[in-house]
Amino acid sequence: MRNLKASLENSLREVEACHALQMEQLNGILLHLESELAQAWAEGQCQAQEYEALLNIRVKLEAEIATYRRLLEDGKDFNLGDALDSSNSMQTIQKTTTRQIVDSKVVSEISDTKVLRH
C-alpha cells in the first residue's frame, strides 16, 4: 500500500508540474495577445484621428466649392466678407481618447474634446 501511495503521489506531482507548465505557456500567449490588442486599438485610434482630419478637409473643400459656384453663377451678389464669415463659422469637433491597458484591464482613460473653428 505504501508503494502504491508513493507511486500515486509521484504521479500527482508530475501531473501538477505538467499543468503548471501549461498554465505558464497559456499566460505567455495571453500576455502576447493582450499586447497585440492594445497595439491594434492604438492603431485604430490613429486611423480614427486621420479620418476626422480628412473629413474636416472635405468639409472645407465642399464649402470652398460652394463659394466658387456662387461666384460663377452670380458674381454680383457675392460679398467677400460674407464668404469669410461663413468660412469662419465652420467648426469641427475632435475627440481623442487614450487608454492604458494592463493585464487586459483598463487602468487609466483620458478623453479630450476640442472644438476647432475654421
PDB file of N, CA and C in Angstrom:
ATOM      1  N   MET A   1       0.830  -1.195   0.000  1.00  0.00           N
ATOM      2  CA  MET A   1       0.000   0.000   0.000  1.00  0.00           C
ATOM      3  C   MET A   1       0.874   1.258   0.000  1.00  0.00           C
ATOM      4  N   ARG A   2       1.996   1.193   0.756  1.00  0.00           N
ATOM      5  CA  ARG A   2       2.878   2.367   0.799  1.00  0.00           C
ATOM      6  C   ARG A   2       3.493   2.635  -0.576  1.00  0.00           C
ATOM      7  N   ASN A   3       3.858   1.586  -1.260  1.00  0.00           N
ATOM      8  CA  ASN A   3       4.409   1.747  -2.612  1.00  0.00           C
ATOM      9  C   ASN A   3       3.372   2.331  -3.567  1.00  0.00           C
ATOM     10  N   LEU A   4       2.139   1.868  -3.437  1.00  0.00           N
ATOM     11  CA  LEU A   4       1.054   2.393  -4.275  1.00  0.00           C
ATOM     12  C   LEU A   4       0.812   3.855  -3.969  1.00  0.00           C
ATOM     13  N   LYS A   5       0.792   4.196  -2.667  1.00  0.00           N
ATOM     14  CA  LYS A   5       0.587   5.588  -2.250  1.00  0.00           C
ATOM     15  C   LYS A   5       1.724   6.453  -2.788  1.00  0.00           C
ATOM     16  N   ALA A   6       2.959   6.038  -2.662  1.00  0.00           N
ATOM     17  CA  ALA A   6       4.104   6.803  -3.142  1.00  0.00           C
ATOM     18  C   ALA A   6       4.038   6.958  -4.658  1.00  0.00           C
ATOM     19  N   SER A   7       3.644   5.900  -5.336  1.00  0.00           N
ATOM     20  CA  SER A   7       3.520   5.957  -6.791  1.00  0.00           C
ATOM     21  C   SER A   7       2.448   6.959  -7.211  1.00  0.00           C
ATOM     22  N   LEU A   8       1.309   6.924  -6.534  1.00  0.00           N
ATOM     23  CA  LEU A   8       0.218   7.861  -6.851  1.00  0.00           C
ATOM     24  C   LEU A   8       0.612   9.304  -6.539  1.00  0.00           C
ATOM     25  N   GLU A   9       1.336   9.514  -5.440  1.00  0.00           N
ATOM     26  CA  GLU A   9       1.797  10.859  -5.105  1.00  0.00           C
ATOM     27  C   GLU A   9       2.775  11.378  -6.161  1.00  0.00           C
ATOM     28  N   ASN A  10       3.660  10.512  -6.639  1.00  0.00           N
ATOM     29  CA  ASN A  10       4.586  10.914  -7.708  1.00  0.00           C
ATOM     30  C   ASN A  10       3.831  11.260  -8.982  1.00  0.00           C
ATOM     31  N   SER A  11       2.829  10.466  -9.302  1.00  0.00           N
ATOM     32  CA  SER A  11       2.007  10.742 -10.486  1.00  0.00           C
ATOM     33  C   SER A  11       1.288  12.087 -10.334  1.00  0.00           C
ATOM     34  N   LEU A  12       0.778  12.340  -9.144  1.00  0.00           N
ATOM     35  CA  LEU A  12       0.091  13.601  -8.878  1.00  0.00           C
ATOM     36  C   LEU A  12       1.046  14.785  -9.057  1.00  0.00           C
ATOM     37  N   ARG A  13       2.257  14.684  -8.516  1.00  0.00           N
ATOM     38  CA  ARG A  13       3.238  15.760  -8.660  1.00  0.00           C
ATOM     39  C   ARG A  13       3.593  15.996 -10.133  1.00  0.00           C
ATOM     40  N   GLU A  14       3.737  14.914 -10.892  1.00  0.00           N
ATOM     41  CA  GLU A  14       4.033  15.046 -12.321  1.00  0.00           C
ATOM     42  C   GLU A  14       2.903  15.745 -13.062  1.00  0.00           C
ATOM     43  N   VAL A  15       1.663  15.363 -12.736  1.00  0.00           N
ATOM     44  CA  VAL A  15       0.505  15.993 -13.379  1.00  0.00           C
ATOM     45  C   VAL A  15       0.433  17.470 -12.994  1.00  0.00           C
ATOM     46  N   GLU A  16       0.667  17.789 -11.716  1.00  0.00           N
ATOM     47  CA  GLU A  16       0.643  19.186 -11.278  1.00  0.00           C
ATOM     48  C   GLU A  16       1.736  19.993 -11.961  1.00  0.00           C
ATOM     49  N   ALA A  17       2.918  19.436 -12.111  1.00  0.00           N
ATOM     50  CA  ALA A  17       4.017  20.123 -12.785  1.00  0.00           C
ATOM     51  C   ALA A  17       3.678  20.356 -14.260  1.00  0.00           C
ATOM     52  N   CYS A  18       3.087  19.364 -14.879  1.00  0.00           N
ATOM     53  CA  CYS A  18       2.691  19.491 -16.279  1.00  0.00           C
ATOM     54  C   CYS A  18       1.646  20.595 -16.448  1.00  0.00           C
ATOM     55  N   HIS A  19       0.674  20.623 -15.539  1.00  0.00           N
ATOM     56  CA  HIS A  19      -0.376  21.654 -15.602  1.00  0.00           C
ATOM     57  C   HIS A  19       0.199  23.033 -15.328  1.00  0.00           C
ATOM     58  N   ALA A  20       1.142  23.143 -14.403  1.00  0.00           N
ATOM     59  CA  ALA A  20       1.776  24.430 -14.115  1.00  0.00           C
ATOM     60  C   ALA A  20       2.515  24.943 -15.343  1.00  0.00           C
ATOM     61  N   LEU A  21       3.218  24.048 -16.038  1.00  0.00           N
ATOM     62  CA  LEU A  21       3.935  24.433 -17.254  1.00  0.00           C
ATOM     63  C   LEU A  21       2.960  24.902 -18.329  1.00  0.00           C
ATOM     64  N   GLN A  22       1.862  24.178 -18.491  1.00  0.00           N
ATOM     65  CA  GLN A  22       0.847  24.574 -19.468  1.00  0.00           C
ATOM     66  C   GLN A  22       0.247  25.928 -19.115  1.00  0.00           C
ATOM     67  N   MET A  23       0.010  26.178 -17.838  1.00  0.00           N
ATOM     68  CA  MET A  23      -0.534  27.473 -17.401  1.00  0.00           C
ATOM     69  C   MET A  23       0.444  28.602 -17.709  1.00  0.00           C
ATOM     70  N   GLU A  24       1.726  28.378 -17.486  1.00  0.00           N
ATOM     71  CA  GLU A  24       2.729  29.392 -17.806  1.00  0.00           C
ATOM     72  C   GLU A  24       2.737  29.690 -19.297  1.00  0.00           C
ATOM     73  N   GLN A  25       2.650  28.639 -20.113  1.00  0.00           N
ATOM     74  CA  GLN A  25       2.625  28.833 -21.562  1.00  0.00           C
ATOM     75  C   GLN A  25       1.387  29.606 -21.984  1.00  0.00           C
ATOM     76  N   LEU A  26       0.236  29.249 -21.422  1.00  0.00           N
ATOM     77  CA  LEU A  26      -1.005  29.940 -21.764  1.00  0.00           C
ATOM     78  C   LEU A  26      -0.983  31.394 -21.288  1.00  0.00           C
ATOM     79  N   ASN A  27      -0.400  31.657 -20.126  1.00  0.00           N
ATOM     80  CA  ASN A  27      -0.280  33.037 -19.647  1.00  0.00           C
ATOM     81  C   ASN A  27       0.619  33.853 -20.572  1.00  0.00           C
ATOM     82  N   GLY A  28       1.689  33.236 -21.071  1.00  0.00           N
ATOM     83  CA  GLY A  28       2.558  33.922 -22.031  1.00  0.00           C
ATOM     84  C   GLY A  28       1.814  34.273 -23.305  1.00  0.00           C
ATOM     85  N   ILE A  29       1.033  33.332 -23.804  1.00  0.00           N
ATOM     86  CA  ILE A  29       0.225  33.586 -25.007  1.00  0.00           C
ATOM     87  C   ILE A  29      -0.785  34.690 -24.738  1.00  0.00           C
ATOM     88  N   LEU A  30      -1.423  34.658 -23.587  1.00  0.00           N
ATOM     89  CA  LEU A  30      -2.411  35.670 -23.229  1.00  0.00           C
ATOM     90  C   LEU A  30      -1.785  37.061 -23.159  1.00  0.00           C
ATOM     91  N   LEU A  31      -0.620  37.180 -22.548  1.00  0.00           N
ATOM     92  CA  LEU A  31       0.061  38.477 -22.475  1.00  0.00           C
ATOM     93  C   LEU A  31       0.411  38.987 -23.866  1.00  0.00           C
ATOM     94  N   HIS A  32       0.858  38.085 -24.731  1.00  0.00           N
ATOM     95  CA  HIS A  32       1.182  38.471 -26.106  1.00  0.00           C
ATOM     96  C   HIS A  32      -0.067  38.972 -26.839  1.00  0.00           C
ATOM     97  N   LEU A  33      -1.176  38.266 -26.684  1.00  0.00           N
ATOM     98  CA  LEU A  33      -2.418  38.672 -27.338  1.00  0.00           C
ATOM     99  C   LEU A  33      -2.929  40.006 -26.792  1.00  0.00           C
ATOM    100  N   GLU A  34      -2.790  40.213 -25.487  1.00  0.00           N
ATOM    101  CA  GLU A  34      -3.190  41.497 -24.902  1.00  0.00           C
ATOM    102  C   GLU A  34      -2.357  42.634 -25.472  1.00  0.00           C
ATOM    103  N   SER A  35      -1.085  42.384 -25.654  1.00  0.00           N
ATOM    104  CA  SER A  35      -0.200  43.391 -26.243  1.00  0.00           C
ATOM    105  C   SER A  35      -0.615  43.703 -27.676  1.00  0.00           C
ATOM    106  N   GLU A  36      -0.900  42.674 -28.454  1.00  0.00           N
ATOM    107  CA  GLU A  36      -1.354  42.882 -29.826  1.00  0.00           C
ATOM    108  C   GLU A  36      -2.679  43.639 -29.861  1.00  0.00           C
ATOM    109  N   LEU A  37      -3.578  43.327 -28.945  1.00  0.00           N
ATOM    110  CA  LEU A  37      -4.860  44.013 -28.880  1.00  0.00           C
ATOM    111  C   LEU A  37      -4.671  45.485 -28.566  1.00  0.00           C
ATOM    112  N   ALA A  38      -3.810  45.792 -27.614  1.00  0.00           N
ATOM    113  CA  ALA A  38      -3.547  47.191 -27.262  1.00  0.00           C
ATOM    114  C   ALA A  38      -2.946  47.935 -28.454  1.00  0.00           C
ATOM    115  N   GLN A  39      -2.059  47.286 -29.180  1.00  0.00           N
ATOM    116  CA  GLN A  39      -1.445  47.909 -30.350  1.00  0.00           C
ATOM    117  C   GLN A  39      -2.494  48.141 -31.446  1.00  0.00           C
ATOM    118  N   ALA A  40      -3.338  47.162 -31.674  1.00  0.00           N
ATOM    119  CA  ALA A  40      -4.396  47.302 -32.686  1.00  0.00           C
ATOM    120  C   ALA A  40      -5.357  48.419 -32.299  1.00  0.00           C
ATOM    121  N   TRP A  41      -5.664  48.524 -31.015  1.00  0.00           N
ATOM    122  CA  TRP A  41      -6.563  49.574 -30.556  1.00  0.00           C
ATOM    123  C   TRP A  41      -5.924  50.945 -30.783  1.00  0.00           C
ATOM    124  N   ALA A  42      -4.628  51.067 -30.476  1.00  0.00           N
ATOM    125  CA  ALA A  42      -3.933  52.339 -30.676  1.00  0.00           C
ATOM    126  C   ALA A  42      -3.899  52.700 -32.162  1.00  0.00           C
ATOM    127  N   GLU A  43      -3.661  51.722 -33.021  1.00  0.00           N
ATOM    128  CA  GLU A  43      -3.674  51.977 -34.458  1.00  0.00           C
ATOM    129  C   GLU A  43      -5.060  52.409 -34.917  1.00  0.00           C
ATOM    130  N   GLY A  44      -6.088  51.799 -34.357  1.00  0.00           N
ATOM    131  CA  GLY A  44      -7.462  52.202 -34.684  1.00  0.00           C
ATOM    132  C   GLY A  44      -7.730  53.637 -34.279  1.00  0.00           C
ATOM    133  N   GLN A  45      -7.218  54.050 -33.127  1.00  0.00           N
ATOM    134  CA  GLN A  45      -7.373  55.433 -32.680  1.00  0.00           C
ATOM    135  C   GLN A  45      -6.677  56.389 -33.646  1.00  0.00           C
ATOM    136  N   CYS A  46      -5.474  56.019 -34.089  1.00  0.00           N
ATOM    137  CA  CYS A  46      -4.749  56.860 -35.059  1.00  0.00           C
ATOM    138  C   CYS A  46      -5.532  56.973 -36.358  1.00  0.00           C
ATOM    139  N   GLN A  47      -6.076  55.855 -36.821  1.00  0.00           N
ATOM    140  CA  GLN A  47      -6.851  55.884 -38.054  1.00  0.00           C
ATOM    141  C   GLN A  47      -8.106  56.727 -37.893  1.00  0.00           C
ATOM    142  N   ALA A  48      -8.721  56.668 -36.724  1.00  0.00           N
ATOM    143  CA  ALA A  48      -9.916  57.485 -36.477  1.00  0.00           C
ATOM    144  C   ALA A  48      -9.563  58.968 -36.515  1.00  0.00           C
ATOM    145  N   GLN A  49      -8.416  59.330 -35.949  1.00  0.00           N
ATOM    146  CA  GLN A  49      -7.988  60.733 -35.981  1.00  0.00           C
ATOM    147  C   GLN A  49      -7.673  61.174 -37.411  1.00  0.00           C
ATOM    148  N   GLU A  50      -7.021  60.304 -38.174  1.00  0.00           N
ATOM    149  CA  GLU A  50      -6.742  60.629 -39.571  1.00  0.00           C
ATOM    150  C   GLU A  50      -8.037  60.789 -40.352  1.00  0.00           C
ATOM    151  N   TYR A  51      -9.015  59.935 -40.079  1.00  0.00           N
ATOM    152  CA  TYR A  51     -10.310  60.030 -40.742  1.00  0.00           C
ATOM    153  C   TYR A  51     -10.981  61.351 -40.408  1.00  0.00           C
ATOM    154  N   GLU A  52     -10.928  61.755 -39.133  1.00  0.00           N
ATOM    155  CA  GLU A  52     -11.509  63.036 -38.725  1.00  0.00           C
ATOM    156  C   GLU A  52     -10.837  64.187 -39.459  1.00  0.00           C
ATOM    157  N   ALA A  53      -9.511  64.131 -39.575  1.00  0.00           N
ATOM    158  CA  ALA A  53      -8.786  65.192 -40.273  1.00  0.00           C
ATOM    159  C   ALA A  53      -9.203  65.242 -41.744  1.00  0.00           C
ATOM    160  N   LEU A  54      -9.313  64.073 -42.388  1.00  0.00           N
ATOM    161  CA  LEU A  54      -9.742  64.041 -43.789  1.00  0.00           C
ATOM    162  C   LEU A  54     -11.179  64.532 -43.942  1.00  0.00           C
ATOM    163  N   LEU A  55     -12.017  64.189 -42.998  1.00  0.00           N
ATOM    164  CA  LEU A  55     -13.400  64.644 -43.044  1.00  0.00           C
ATOM    165  C   LEU A  55     -13.464  66.169 -42.915  1.00  0.00           C
ATOM    166  N   ASN A  56     -12.637  66.731 -42.037  1.00  0.00           N
ATOM    167  CA  ASN A  56     -12.590  68.194 -41.877  1.00  0.00           C
ATOM    168  C   ASN A  56     -12.120  68.860 -43.169  1.00  0.00           C
ATOM    169  N   ILE A  57     -11.120  68.272 -43.811  1.00  0.00           N
ATOM    170  CA  ILE A  57     -10.634  68.827 -45.073  1.00  0.00           C
ATOM    171  C   ILE A  57     -11.731  68.766 -46.124  1.00  0.00           C
ATOM    172  N   ARG A  58     -12.459  67.656 -46.147  1.00  0.00           N
ATOM    173  CA  ARG A  58     -13.545  67.513 -47.112  1.00  0.00           C
ATOM    174  C   ARG A  58     -14.604  68.602 -46.905  1.00  0.00           C
ATOM    175  N   VAL A  59     -14.956  68.853 -45.642  1.00  0.00           N
ATOM    176  CA  VAL A  59     -15.971  69.882 -45.348  1.00  0.00           C
ATOM    177  C   VAL A  59     -15.484  71.244 -45.817  1.00  0.00           C
ATOM    178  N   LYS A  60     -14.210  71.546 -45.571  1.00  0.00           N
ATOM    179  CA  LYS A  60     -13.655  72.831 -46.017  1.00  0.00           C
ATOM    180  C   LYS A  60     -13.685  72.944 -47.540  1.00  0.00           C
ATOM    181  N   LEU A  61     -13.288  71.864 -48.203  1.00  0.00           N
ATOM    182  CA  LEU A  61     -13.282  71.881 -49.664  1.00  0.00           C
ATOM    183  C   LEU A  61     -14.684  72.035 -50.236  1.00  0.00           C
ATOM    184  N   GLU A  62     -15.655  71.360 -49.647  1.00  0.00           N
ATOM    185  CA  GLU A  62     -17.036  71.488 -50.122  1.00  0.00           C
ATOM    186  C   GLU A  62     -17.537  72.909 -49.945  1.00  0.00           C
ATOM    187  N   ALA A  63     -17.188  73.546 -48.820  1.00  0.00           N
ATOM    188  CA  ALA A  63     -17.596  74.930 -48.603  1.00  0.00           C
ATOM    189  C   ALA A  63     -16.928  75.855 -49.621  1.00  0.00           C
ATOM    190  N   GLU A  64     -15.663  75.597 -49.918  1.00  0.00           N
ATOM    191  CA  GLU A  64     -14.961  76.419 -50.903  1.00  0.00           C
ATOM    192  C   GLU A  64     -15.547  76.226 -52.293  1.00  0.00           C
ATOM    193  N   ILE A  65     -15.882  74.989 -52.636  1.00  0.00           N
ATOM    194  CA  ILE A  65     -16.507  74.713 -53.933  1.00  0.00           C
ATOM    195  C   ILE A  65     -17.845  75.424 -54.033  1.00  0.00           C
ATOM    196  N   ALA A  66     -18.625  75.406 -52.952  1.00  0.00           N
ATOM    197  CA  ALA A  66     -19.914  76.097 -52.956  1.00  0.00           C
ATOM    198  C   ALA A  66     -19.715  77.595 -53.161  1.00  0.00           C
ATOM    199  N   THR A  67     -18.676  78.150 -52.545  1.00  0.00           N
ATOM    200  CA  THR A  67     -18.394  79.576 -52.710  1.00  0.00           C
ATOM    201  C   THR A  67     -18.048  79.878 -54.170  1.00  0.00           C
ATOM    202  N   TYR A  68     -17.215  79.049 -54.779  1.00  0.00           N
ATOM    203  CA  TYR A  68     -16.859  79.259 -56.182  1.00  0.00           C
ATOM    204  C   TYR A  68     -18.068  79.106 -57.097  1.00  0.00           C
ATOM    205  N   ARG A  69     -18.941  78.175 -56.781  1.00  0.00           N
ATOM    206  CA  ARG A  69     -20.156  78.011 -57.603  1.00  0.00           C
ATOM    207  C   ARG A  69     -21.021  79.262 -57.545  1.00  0.00           C
ATOM    208  N   ARG A  70     -21.161  79.813 -56.319  1.00  0.00           N
ATOM    209  CA  ARG A  70     -21.941  81.055 -56.193  1.00  0.00           C
ATOM    210  C   ARG A  70     -21.299  82.164 -57.002  1.00  0.00           C
ATOM    211  N   LEU A  71     -19.973  82.233 -56.985  1.00  0.00           N
ATOM    212  CA  LEU A  71     -19.269  83.256 -57.757  1.00  0.00           C
ATOM    213  C   LEU A  71     -19.516  83.090 -59.249  1.00  0.00           C
ATOM    214  N   LEU A  72     -19.457  81.844 -59.708  1.00  0.00           N
ATOM    215  CA  LEU A  72     -19.660  81.595 -61.130  1.00  0.00           C
ATOM    216  C   LEU A  72     -21.094  81.849 -61.563  1.00  0.00           C
ATOM    217  N   GLU A  73     -22.052  81.492 -60.721  1.00  0.00           N
ATOM    218  CA  GLU A  73     -23.459  81.640 -61.082  1.00  0.00           C
ATOM    219  C   GLU A  73     -23.901  83.096 -61.049  1.00  0.00           C
ATOM    220  N   ASP A  74     -23.527  83.803 -60.020  1.00  0.00           N
ATOM    221  CA  ASP A  74     -23.986  85.189 -59.898  1.00  0.00           C
ATOM    222  C   ASP A  74     -22.958  85.976 -59.101  1.00  0.00           C
ATOM    223  N   GLY A  75     -22.025  86.565 -59.768  1.00  0.00           N
ATOM    224  CA  GLY A  75     -20.950  87.292 -59.119  1.00  0.00           C
ATOM    225  C   GLY A  75     -21.386  88.619 -58.530  1.00  0.00           C
ATOM    226  N   LYS A  76     -22.549  89.152 -58.913  1.00  0.00           N
ATOM    227  CA  LYS A  76     -22.989  90.461 -58.443  1.00  0.00           C
ATOM    228  C   LYS A  76     -23.325  90.454 -56.949  1.00  0.00           C
ATOM    229  N   ASP A  77     -24.011  89.399 -56.492  1.00  0.00           N
ATOM    230  CA  ASP A  77     -24.462  89.347 -55.103  1.00  0.00           C
ATOM    231  C   ASP A  77     -23.381  88.848 -54.149  1.00  0.00           C
ATOM    232  N   PHE A  78     -22.241  88.526 -54.659  1.00  0.00           N
ATOM    233  CA  PHE A  78     -21.183  87.958 -53.815  1.00  0.00           C
ATOM    234  C   PHE A  78     -20.475  89.059 -53.041  1.00  0.00           C
ATOM    235  N   ASN A  79     -20.288  88.786 -51.755  1.00  0.00           N
ATOM    236  CA  ASN A  79     -19.579  89.718 -50.877  1.00  0.00           C
ATOM    237  C   ASN A  79     -18.457  88.935 -50.206  1.00  0.00           C
ATOM    238  N   LEU A  80     -17.238  89.416 -50.356  1.00  0.00           N
ATOM    239  CA  LEU A  80     -16.096  88.707 -49.792  1.00  0.00           C
ATOM    240  C   LEU A  80     -16.224  88.571 -48.278  1.00  0.00           C
ATOM    241  N   GLY A  81     -16.772  89.557 -47.624  1.00  0.00           N
ATOM    242  CA  GLY A  81     -16.973  89.492 -46.169  1.00  0.00           C
ATOM    243  C   GLY A  81     -17.909  88.366 -45.777  1.00  0.00           C
ATOM    244  N   ASP A  82     -18.963  88.148 -46.581  1.00  0.00           N
ATOM    245  CA  ASP A  82     -19.882  87.041 -46.310  1.00  0.00           C
ATOM    246  C   ASP A  82     -19.176  85.697 -46.438  1.00  0.00           C
ATOM    247  N   ALA A  83     -18.324  85.580 -47.445  1.00  0.00           N
ATOM    248  CA  ALA A  83     -17.593  84.325 -47.638  1.00  0.00           C
ATOM    249  C   ALA A  83     -16.652  84.068 -46.472  1.00  0.00           C
ATOM    250  N   LEU A  84     -15.997  85.108 -46.009  1.00  0.00           N
ATOM    251  CA  LEU A  84     -15.092  84.949 -44.875  1.00  0.00           C
ATOM    252  C   LEU A  84     -15.859  84.598 -43.605  1.00  0.00           C
ATOM    253  N   ASP A  85     -17.031  85.248 -43.402  1.00  0.00           N
ATOM    254  CA  ASP A  85     -17.832  84.945 -42.213  1.00  0.00           C
ATOM    255  C   ASP A  85     -18.335  83.506 -42.246  1.00  0.00           C
ATOM    256  N   SER A  86     -18.769  83.033 -43.416  1.00  0.00           N
ATOM    257  CA  SER A  86     -19.295  81.670 -43.483  1.00  0.00           C
ATOM    258  C   SER A  86     -18.183  80.649 -43.285  1.00  0.00           C
ATOM    259  N   SER A  87     -16.977  80.965 -43.766  1.00  0.00           N
ATOM    260  CA  SER A  87     -15.889  80.007 -43.565  1.00  0.00           C
ATOM    261  C   SER A  87     -15.401  80.031 -42.124  1.00  0.00           C
ATOM    262  N   ASN A  88     -15.505  81.158 -41.452  1.00  0.00           N
ATOM    263  CA  ASN A  88     -15.092  81.237 -40.054  1.00  0.00           C
ATOM    264  C   ASN A  88     -16.097  80.575 -39.131  1.00  0.00           C
ATOM    265  N   SER A  89     -17.348  80.475 -39.578  1.00  0.00           N
ATOM    266  CA  SER A  89     -18.362  79.896 -38.708  1.00  0.00           C
ATOM    267  C   SER A  89     -18.330  78.367 -38.716  1.00  0.00           C
ATOM    268  N   MET A  90     -17.554  77.785 -39.630  1.00  0.00           N
ATOM    269  CA  MET A  90     -17.473  76.330 -39.673  1.00  0.00           C
ATOM    270  C   MET A  90     -16.661  75.831 -38.484  1.00  0.00           C
ATOM    271  N   GLN A  91     -17.095  74.751 -37.907  1.00  0.00           N
ATOM    272  CA  GLN A  91     -16.348  74.166 -36.796  1.00  0.00           C
ATOM    273  C   GLN A  91     -16.392  72.654 -36.881  1.00  0.00           C
ATOM    274  N   THR A  92     -15.375  72.060 -36.341  1.00  0.00           N
ATOM    275  CA  THR A  92     -15.317  70.605 -36.263  1.00  0.00           C
ATOM    276  C   THR A  92     -14.984  70.223 -34.828  1.00  0.00           C
ATOM    277  N   ILE A  93     -15.370  69.032 -34.484  1.00  0.00           N
ATOM    278  CA  ILE A  93     -15.109  68.534 -33.137  1.00  0.00           C
ATOM    279  C   ILE A  93     -14.111  67.389 -33.253  1.00  0.00           C
ATOM    280  N   GLN A  94     -13.043  67.496 -32.497  1.00  0.00           N
ATOM    281  CA  GLN A  94     -12.021  66.457 -32.492  1.00  0.00           C
ATOM    282  C   GLN A  94     -12.048  65.782 -31.131  1.00  0.00           C
ATOM    283  N   LYS A  95     -12.283  64.473 -31.123  1.00  0.00           N
ATOM    284  CA  LYS A  95     -12.329  63.706 -29.880  1.00  0.00           C
ATOM    285  C   LYS A  95     -11.149  62.749 -29.841  1.00  0.00           C
ATOM    286  N   THR A  96     -10.459  62.725 -28.708  1.00  0.00           N
ATOM    287  CA  THR A  96      -9.326  61.830 -28.528  1.00  0.00           C
ATOM    288  C   THR A  96      -9.493  61.109 -27.199  1.00  0.00           C
ATOM    289  N   THR A  97      -9.372  59.802 -27.224  1.00  0.00           N
ATOM    290  CA  THR A  97      -9.430  59.002 -26.004  1.00  0.00           C
ATOM    291  C   THR A  97      -8.166  58.161 -25.925  1.00  0.00           C
ATOM    292  N   THR A  98      -7.489  58.250 -24.792  1.00  0.00           N
ATOM    293  CA  THR A  98      -6.269  57.479 -24.581  1.00  0.00           C
ATOM    294  C   THR A  98      -6.502  56.540 -23.410  1.00  0.00           C
ATOM    295  N   ARG A  99      -6.286  55.244 -23.645  1.00  0.00           N
ATOM    296  CA  ARG A  99      -6.475  54.251 -22.592  1.00  0.00           C
ATOM    297  C   ARG A  99      -5.166  53.519 -22.358  1.00  0.00           C
ATOM    298  N   GLN A 100      -4.900  53.221 -21.079  1.00  0.00           N
ATOM    299  CA  GLN A 100      -3.748  52.399 -20.736  1.00  0.00           C
ATOM    300  C   GLN A 100      -4.289  51.067 -20.230  1.00  0.00           C
ATOM    301  N   ILE A 101      -3.854  49.981 -20.897  1.00  0.00           N
ATOM    302  CA  ILE A 101      -4.358  48.648 -20.578  1.00  0.00           C
ATOM    303  C   ILE A 101      -3.216  47.828 -19.988  1.00  0.00           C
ATOM    304  N   VAL A 102      -3.471  47.256 -18.823  1.00  0.00           N
ATOM    305  CA  VAL A 102      -2.500  46.374 -18.181  1.00  0.00           C
ATOM    306  C   VAL A 102      -3.231  45.104 -17.782  1.00  0.00           C
ATOM    307  N   ASP A 103      -2.714  43.973 -18.198  1.00  0.00           N
ATOM    308  CA  ASP A 103      -3.331  42.675 -17.911  1.00  0.00           C
ATOM    309  C   ASP A 103      -4.798  42.641 -18.313  1.00  0.00           C
ATOM    310  N   SER A 104      -5.075  43.118 -19.499  1.00  0.00           N
ATOM    311  CA  SER A 104      -6.410  43.164 -20.109  1.00  0.00           C
ATOM    312  C   SER A 104      -7.414  43.984 -19.311  1.00  0.00           C
ATOM    313  N   LYS A 105      -6.927  44.890 -18.470  1.00  0.00           N
ATOM    314  CA  LYS A 105      -7.814  45.776 -17.714  1.00  0.00           C
ATOM    315  C   LYS A 105      -7.421  47.216 -18.000  1.00  0.00           C
ATOM    316  N   VAL A 106      -8.426  48.078 -18.175  1.00  0.00           N
ATOM    317  CA  VAL A 106      -8.158  49.494 -18.399  1.00  0.00           C
ATOM    318  C   VAL A 106      -7.797  50.120 -17.055  1.00  0.00           C
ATOM    319  N   VAL A 107      -6.563  50.622 -16.953  1.00  0.00           N
ATOM    320  CA  VAL A 107      -6.117  51.207 -15.693  1.00  0.00           C
ATOM    321  C   VAL A 107      -6.235  52.731 -15.717  1.00  0.00           C
ATOM    322  N   SER A 108      -6.258  53.335 -16.902  1.00  0.00           N
ATOM    323  CA  SER A 108      -6.494  54.771 -16.986  1.00  0.00           C
ATOM    324  C   SER A 108      -7.102  55.096 -18.338  1.00  0.00           C
ATOM    325  N   GLU A 109      -7.925  56.140 -18.345  1.00  0.00           N
ATOM    326  CA  GLU A 109      -8.563  56.575 -19.584  1.00  0.00           C
ATOM    327  C   GLU A 109      -8.675  58.084 -19.552  1.00  0.00           C
ATOM    328  N   ILE A 110      -8.188  58.716 -20.611  1.00  0.00           N
ATOM    329  CA  ILE A 110      -8.219  60.170 -20.708  1.00  0.00           C
ATOM    330  C   ILE A 110      -8.956  60.527 -21.988  1.00  0.00           C
ATOM    331  N   SER A 111      -9.997  61.347 -21.854  1.00  0.00           N
ATOM    332  CA  SER A 111     -10.750  61.800 -23.017  1.00  0.00           C
ATOM    333  C   SER A 111     -10.525  63.294 -23.183  1.00  0.00           C
ATOM    334  N   ASP A 112     -10.352  63.702 -24.452  1.00  0.00           N
ATOM    335  CA  ASP A 112     -10.115  65.102 -24.754  1.00  0.00           C
ATOM    336  C   ASP A 112     -10.986  65.470 -25.944  1.00  0.00           C
ATOM    337  N   THR A 113     -11.753  66.547 -25.803  1.00  0.00           N
ATOM    338  CA  THR A 113     -12.617  67.017 -26.879  1.00  0.00           C
ATOM    339  C   THR A 113     -12.232  68.459 -27.203  1.00  0.00           C
ATOM    340  N   LYS A 114     -11.981  68.708 -28.483  1.00  0.00           N
ATOM    341  CA  LYS A 114     -11.622  70.057 -28.933  1.00  0.00           C
ATOM    342  C   LYS A 114     -12.598  70.510 -29.993  1.00  0.00           C
ATOM    343  N   VAL A 115     -13.016  71.776 -29.909  1.00  0.00           N
ATOM    344  CA  VAL A 115     -13.839  72.382 -30.941  1.00  0.00           C
ATOM    345  C   VAL A 115     -12.923  73.285 -31.761  1.00  0.00           C
ATOM    346  N   LEU A 116     -12.784  72.948 -33.029  1.00  0.00           N
ATOM    347  CA  LEU A 116     -11.905  73.700 -33.927  1.00  0.00           C
ATOM    348  C   LEU A 116     -12.758  74.567 -34.836  1.00  0.00           C
ATOM    349  N   ARG A 117     -12.446  75.827 -34.886  1.00  0.00           N
ATOM    350  CA  ARG A 117     -13.179  76.744 -35.773  1.00  0.00           C
ATOM    351  C   ARG A 117     -12.338  77.002 -37.019  1.00  0.00           C
ATOM    352  N   HIS A 118     -13.018  77.025 -38.139  1.00  0.00           N
ATOM    353  CA  HIS A 118     -12.311  77.215 -39.422  1.00  0.00           C
ATOM    354  C   HIS A 118     -12.831  78.459 -40.103  1.00  0.00           C
TER     355      HIS A 118
END
